[in-house]
Each structure stands twice: as C-alpha cells, then as structure tokens.
Amino acid sequence: MPSEIFPSSLRAKGVALSTCSNWLNNFIIGLITPPLVQNTGFGAYTFFAVFCLLSLAWTFYFVPETRGRTLEAMDRVFNDVNSEQEEARRKAIESELIGNDESTVSHERAMS
C-alpha cells in the first residue's frame, strides 16, 4: 500500500521509510510480547485484538480503495499534480523529438 499513497516524486523515500517503520514496529512487538503474555495471560491477546479492530475501522473509513487503479490515478486521488506535470513534460519532449525528426526528413527530401 505505501507505493500507492506516496506521490511519484517521493515514492522511493516513502516506501523506504514505511519499510523501516514496519521493521522497527515488528522488533518492538517481538520485545514486548513475551513479558506481556507472561504477566497478563490472555490479556495480551485482548490487547492485540483491540488494536486489530481499531486498525480495521481506521482502514475501512480512511484508506481509499486502490484496486484496479494505476499509480497515476492514485496521484489524482491524493491531489498530487507532479505526475501530470511529468506527463506534460514527457509529451512536450516527445513532440519536440518527433517534430525534429519530421523536419529532418522533410529537409532531407527537399535536399534530394
């Protein structure tokens, strides 16, 4: 999911940061789970179940659906205009190159 959320200009850094956060959070959970289970018994499972339910509610209400959408479409969902600017720049460069190729061909035809 992180790759769909971050705009094109920040995607690599955002995915790296989210991966780092995931590893750090898993490390912390690995450290606290044994003493939590030992000291609270089934309370540890209740603790994790409550957080899972809160995650489910947050995801249902605040995370947009990304299935079937391209990364560019997700940029529009999050109001990121960088990809549109990049697309316009790419088209301008393509038209310039195609225009130069056509003018070169027409110039060569005129010369022959």
Protein backbone atom coordinates (compact mmCIF):
# COMPACT_ATOMS: atom_id res chain seq x y z
CA MET A 1 0.00 0.00 0.00
CA PRO A 2 2.77 2.59 0.64
CA SER A 3 3.69 2.74 -3.04
CA GLU A 4 0.15 3.85 -3.93
CA ILE A 5 -0.04 6.51 -1.24
CA PHE A 6 3.13 8.49 -1.87
CA PRO A 7 3.37 10.83 -4.87
CA SER A 8 5.73 9.88 -7.68
CA SER A 9 8.35 12.37 -6.58
CA LEU A 10 8.53 10.89 -3.05
CA ARG A 11 7.62 7.27 -3.72
CA ALA A 12 11.06 5.69 -3.22
CA LYS A 13 11.75 7.56 0.01
CA GLY A 14 8.24 6.92 1.30
CA VAL A 15 8.42 3.18 0.68
CA ALA A 16 11.86 3.05 2.33
CA LEU A 17 10.54 4.92 5.36
CA SER A 18 7.46 2.71 5.66
CA THR A 19 9.60 -0.43 5.40
CA CYS A 20 11.91 0.88 8.12
CA SER A 21 8.90 1.67 10.31
CA ASN A 22 7.50 -1.82 9.72
CA TRP A 23 10.77 -3.48 10.80
CA LEU A 24 11.08 -1.25 13.87
CA ASN A 25 7.48 -1.90 14.94
CA ASN A 26 7.92 -5.65 14.49
CA PHE A 27 11.09 -5.51 16.59
CA ILE A 28 9.26 -3.67 19.39
CA ILE A 29 6.35 -6.13 19.29
CA GLY A 30 8.84 -9.01 19.45
CA LEU A 31 10.41 -7.46 22.55
CA ILE A 32 7.21 -6.71 24.47
CA THR A 33 5.13 -9.81 23.63
CA PRO A 34 6.89 -12.40 25.87
CA PRO A 35 6.68 -10.31 29.08
CA LEU A 36 3.16 -9.17 28.17
CA VAL A 37 1.94 -12.76 27.79
CA GLN A 38 3.79 -13.84 30.93
CA ASN A 39 2.38 -11.05 33.09
CA THR A 40 -1.17 -10.72 31.73
CA GLY A 41 -2.03 -14.16 30.38
CA PHE A 42 -4.92 -13.88 27.94
CA GLY A 43 -4.90 -10.07 28.39
CA ALA A 44 -2.13 -9.87 25.78
CA TYR A 45 -4.45 -11.37 23.18
CA THR A 46 -7.18 -8.91 24.15
CA PHE A 47 -4.67 -6.06 23.80
CA PHE A 48 -3.70 -7.15 20.26
CA ALA A 49 -7.32 -7.88 19.30
CA VAL A 50 -8.40 -4.35 20.29
CA PHE A 51 -5.64 -2.83 18.17
CA CYS A 52 -6.55 -5.09 15.24
CA LEU A 53 -10.18 -3.95 15.43
CA LEU A 54 -9.10 -0.29 15.63
CA SER A 55 -6.90 -0.86 12.57
CA LEU A 56 -9.81 -2.40 10.72
CA ALA A 57 -12.06 0.57 11.48
CA TRP A 58 -9.38 3.09 10.51
CA THR A 59 -8.63 1.28 7.26
CA PHE A 60 -12.32 0.96 6.36
CA TYR A 61 -13.05 4.66 6.88
CA PHE A 62 -9.82 6.44 5.94
CA VAL A 63 -7.86 4.39 3.35
CA PRO A 64 -9.08 4.77 -0.25
CA GLU A 65 -9.54 1.72 -2.47
CA THR A 66 -6.57 1.22 -4.80
CA ARG A 67 -7.60 -1.94 -6.64
CA GLY A 68 -7.57 -1.54 -10.40
CA ARG A 69 -6.06 1.95 -10.33
CA THR A 70 -2.74 2.95 -11.79
CA LEU A 71 -0.18 4.91 -9.78
CA GLU A 72 -1.08 7.97 -11.84
CA ALA A 73 -4.75 7.53 -10.92
CA MET A 74 -3.75 7.36 -7.26
CA ASP A 75 -1.90 10.64 -7.69
CA ARG A 76 -5.24 12.17 -8.70
CA VAL A 77 -6.93 10.61 -5.63
CA PHE A 78 -4.38 12.30 -3.37
CA ASN A 79 -4.39 15.55 -5.42
CA ASP A 80 -0.76 15.25 -6.50
CA VAL A 81 -0.08 17.18 -9.69
CA ASN A 82 3.57 16.21 -10.11
CA SER A 83 2.77 13.22 -12.31
CA GLU A 84 0.57 15.37 -14.55
CA GLN A 85 3.43 17.85 -14.91
CA GLU A 86 5.83 15.00 -15.65
CA GLU A 87 3.42 13.61 -18.25
CA ALA A 88 3.04 17.02 -19.90
CA ARG A 89 6.83 17.43 -19.95
CA ARG A 90 7.27 13.96 -21.47
CA LYS A 91 4.70 14.73 -24.19
CA ALA A 92 6.41 18.04 -24.94
CA ILE A 93 9.76 16.31 -25.30
CA GLU A 94 8.23 13.59 -27.49
CA SER A 95 6.53 16.12 -29.75
CA GLU A 96 9.77 18.10 -29.98
CA LEU A 97 11.68 14.96 -30.94
CA ILE A 98 9.02 13.83 -33.39
CA GLY A 99 8.80 17.34 -34.79
CA ASN A 100 12.58 17.43 -35.23
CA ASP A 101 12.53 14.03 -36.89
CA GLU A 102 9.79 15.12 -39.30
CA SER A 103 11.56 18.38 -40.11
CA THR A 104 14.80 16.43 -40.68
CA VAL A 105 13.02 14.03 -43.01
CA SER A 106 11.32 16.88 -44.91
CA HIS A 107 14.66 18.74 -45.09
CA GLU A 108 16.36 15.63 -46.48
CA ARG A 109 13.55 15.24 -49.04
CA ALA A 110 13.99 18.85 -50.08
CA MET A 111 17.73 18.37 -50.47
CA SER A 112 17.32 15.34 -52.76
